[in-house]
Amino acid sequence: MATSSLINFLKQSDIFYQFTATQLELVANLCHEILFQEGETIFRENSDSKELYVIAQGEVDILINPALVGGPSSGEQKETRIATLRRGQNFGEVALVDEGLRSATARAAHKDTRLIIIPRDKLIMLCETYPQLGYRLMYNFAADLAMKIRNTDLRIREQLLYRPSPK
């Protein structure tokens, strides 16, 4: 993806909301693009986290393995899809805060899924060098994570309130 088209794409992504043209160009210079085919794993649950991903094209399924946290186990570990992300959405943002392990698996859900990858170390350095850019990015991440938490809360409430009562 050419730098100018990458800048235009980043401009449309929520995590780069209210970035100046210069700030978008600085971020674009850190990015690289990778193509995944349907069913390809982008990263696995409990793997190292060092990148932020933005979906340029296609879809990504986010999956968890309940057996890894003591959930029901049936000999084989079956992953459960908890979300499907689409163009412009991001994932892996927690890697910017800590370099812990991934809390889910990400898998391409569409042929020719194109991802923009931003390395954590370079993005953190950019944020430290340009505090206004860093503030805006972290503010946008906080808003994005708050929305994800609210959606998860609603799904949990739905499961608790609408499941059949035990007899």
Protein backbone atom coordinates (compact mmCIF):
# COMPACT_ATOMS: atom_id res chain seq x y z
CA MET A 1 0.00 0.00 0.00
CA ALA A 2 1.48 3.35 -1.01
CA THR A 3 2.11 5.87 1.76
CA SER A 4 -0.60 8.25 0.52
CA SER A 5 -3.26 5.52 0.38
CA LEU A 6 -2.08 4.23 3.76
CA ILE A 7 -2.49 7.71 5.24
CA ASN A 8 -6.01 7.95 3.78
CA PHE A 9 -6.86 4.55 5.24
CA LEU A 10 -5.46 5.41 8.70
CA LYS A 11 -7.45 8.65 8.64
CA GLN A 12 -10.66 6.57 8.46
CA SER A 13 -9.75 4.31 11.38
CA ASP A 14 -11.21 5.24 14.78
CA ILE A 15 -7.91 4.86 16.64
CA PHE A 16 -6.39 7.65 14.54
CA TYR A 17 -9.38 9.98 14.98
CA GLN A 18 -8.35 13.67 15.05
CA PHE A 19 -4.77 12.99 13.98
CA THR A 20 -3.15 15.71 11.92
CA ALA A 21 -1.80 14.95 8.44
CA THR A 22 1.74 15.02 9.85
CA GLN A 23 0.85 12.64 12.68
CA LEU A 24 -0.79 10.24 10.21
CA GLU A 25 2.32 10.34 8.05
CA LEU A 26 4.53 9.56 11.05
CA VAL A 27 2.37 6.53 11.91
CA ALA A 28 2.18 5.40 8.27
CA ASN A 29 5.99 5.29 8.14
CA LEU A 30 5.95 2.64 10.91
CA CYS A 31 3.43 0.36 9.23
CA HIS A 32 3.80 -2.65 7.04
CA GLU A 33 1.12 -4.69 5.36
CA ILE A 34 0.60 -8.45 5.34
CA LEU A 35 -1.94 -10.62 3.52
CA PHE A 36 -3.69 -13.61 5.10
CA GLN A 37 -5.95 -16.18 3.48
CA GLU A 38 -9.17 -17.45 5.03
CA GLY A 39 -8.46 -19.75 7.96
CA GLU A 40 -4.86 -18.61 8.47
CA THR A 41 -3.92 -17.86 12.06
CA ILE A 42 -2.59 -14.36 12.66
CA PHE A 43 -1.58 -15.10 16.25
CA ARG A 44 -2.48 -17.66 18.90
CA GLU A 45 -3.91 -17.27 22.36
CA ASN A 46 -1.11 -17.11 24.98
CA SER A 47 1.52 -16.05 22.43
CA ASP A 48 3.74 -12.97 22.83
CA SER A 49 2.17 -9.63 21.96
CA LYS A 50 4.25 -7.01 20.23
CA GLU A 51 2.06 -5.60 17.44
CA LEU A 52 -1.08 -3.61 16.83
CA TYR A 53 -3.22 -4.68 13.86
CA VAL A 54 -5.65 -2.63 11.78
CA ILE A 55 -7.84 -4.39 9.24
CA ALA A 56 -7.43 -2.87 5.77
CA GLN A 57 -9.54 -5.47 3.97
CA GLY A 58 -11.47 -8.59 4.94
CA GLU A 59 -12.50 -9.89 8.33
CA VAL A 60 -10.79 -11.36 11.39
CA ASP A 61 -12.35 -13.76 13.87
CA ILE A 62 -11.30 -13.47 17.48
CA LEU A 63 -11.43 -16.87 19.19
CA ILE A 64 -10.87 -18.17 22.70
CA ASN A 65 -10.23 -21.67 23.95
CA PRO A 66 -12.38 -22.21 27.09
CA ALA A 67 -10.28 -25.23 28.06
CA LEU A 68 -7.28 -22.95 28.68
CA VAL A 69 -9.09 -21.34 31.62
CA GLY A 70 -10.67 -24.46 33.07
CA GLY A 71 -13.76 -24.49 30.85
CA PRO A 72 -15.43 -27.66 29.63
CA SER A 73 -12.96 -29.99 27.99
CA SER A 74 -13.90 -32.76 25.59
CA GLY A 75 -10.55 -34.30 24.78
CA GLU A 76 -10.01 -31.82 21.98
CA GLN A 77 -9.74 -28.09 22.49
CA LYS A 78 -12.47 -26.31 20.55
CA GLU A 79 -12.05 -22.59 20.02
CA THR A 80 -15.11 -20.38 20.29
CA ARG A 81 -15.55 -17.22 18.23
CA ILE A 82 -16.27 -14.23 20.43
CA ALA A 83 -16.09 -11.49 17.80
CA THR A 84 -15.66 -10.80 14.11
CA LEU A 85 -13.79 -7.62 13.25
CA ARG A 86 -14.04 -5.78 9.94
CA ARG A 87 -12.32 -3.11 7.86
CA GLY A 88 -11.00 -0.21 9.90
CA GLN A 89 -11.21 -2.03 13.22
CA ASN A 90 -8.13 -2.78 15.27
CA PHE A 91 -6.99 -5.55 17.57
CA GLY A 92 -3.92 -6.28 19.63
CA GLU A 93 -4.08 -2.87 21.30
CA VAL A 94 -3.45 -4.29 24.76
CA ALA A 95 0.08 -5.10 23.51
CA LEU A 96 0.75 -1.37 23.64
CA VAL A 97 0.06 -1.27 27.36
CA ASP A 98 1.78 -4.48 28.37
CA GLU A 99 3.82 -7.06 26.57
CA GLY A 100 1.91 -9.89 28.16
CA LEU A 101 0.40 -12.88 26.44
CA ARG A 102 -2.41 -12.67 23.89
CA SER A 103 -5.80 -13.28 25.47
CA ALA A 104 -7.31 -14.76 22.30
CA THR A 105 -6.50 -16.22 18.90
CA ALA A 106 -6.95 -14.10 15.76
CA ARG A 107 -7.73 -15.84 12.48
CA ALA A 108 -8.44 -14.49 9.00
CA ALA A 109 -12.14 -15.04 8.27
CA HIS A 110 -12.11 -13.90 4.66
CA LYS A 111 -9.91 -14.58 1.67
CA ASP A 112 -7.35 -11.88 1.02
CA THR A 113 -7.53 -10.35 4.49
CA ARG A 114 -5.07 -7.46 4.47
CA LEU A 115 -3.74 -6.19 7.78
CA ILE A 116 -1.72 -3.13 8.63
CA ILE A 117 0.79 -4.07 11.33
CA ILE A 118 2.34 -1.49 13.63
CA PRO A 119 5.22 -2.69 15.84
CA ARG A 120 4.76 -1.84 19.53
CA ASP A 121 8.32 -0.62 20.17
CA LYS A 122 8.28 1.83 17.24
CA LEU A 123 4.81 3.15 18.09
CA ILE A 124 5.74 3.65 21.76
CA MET A 125 8.89 5.52 20.70
CA LEU A 126 6.77 7.72 18.41
CA CYS A 127 4.37 8.46 21.29
CA GLU A 128 7.26 9.39 23.58
CA THR A 129 8.83 11.61 20.93
CA TYR A 130 5.53 13.35 20.10
CA PRO A 131 3.48 13.57 23.33
CA GLN A 132 0.44 15.14 21.63
CA LEU A 133 0.29 12.22 19.20
CA GLY A 134 0.75 9.79 22.11
CA TYR A 135 -2.02 11.45 24.12
CA ARG A 136 -4.45 11.38 21.20
CA LEU A 137 -3.65 7.75 20.40
CA MET A 138 -4.05 6.58 24.01
CA TYR A 139 -7.28 8.58 24.36
CA ASN A 140 -8.64 6.90 21.23
CA PHE A 141 -7.55 3.47 22.52
CA ALA A 142 -9.27 4.13 25.84
CA ALA A 143 -12.49 5.03 24.01
CA ASP A 144 -12.19 1.90 21.83
CA LEU A 145 -11.52 -0.36 24.81
CA ALA A 146 -14.40 1.21 26.78
CA MET A 147 -16.76 0.38 23.91
CA LYS A 148 -15.44 -3.21 23.78
CA ILE A 149 -15.90 -3.57 27.55
CA ARG A 150 -19.46 -2.25 27.37
CA ASN A 151 -20.31 -4.65 24.55
CA THR A 152 -18.83 -7.55 26.49
CA ASP A 153 -20.78 -6.51 29.59
CA LEU A 154 -24.02 -6.49 27.59
CA ARG A 155 -23.28 -9.95 26.18
CA ILE A 156 -22.56 -11.33 29.66
CA ARG A 157 -25.77 -9.80 31.02
CA GLU A 158 -27.71 -11.28 28.13
CA GLN A 159 -26.26 -14.73 28.83
CA LEU A 160 -27.02 -14.48 32.54
CA LEU A 161 -30.52 -13.07 32.19
CA TYR A 162 -31.81 -15.12 29.27
CA ARG A 163 -30.45 -18.59 29.83
CA PRO A 164 -32.93 -21.20 30.99
CA SER A 165 -33.21 -21.41 34.76
CA PRO A 166 -32.08 -24.68 36.38
CA LYS A 167 -34.86 -26.98 37.53
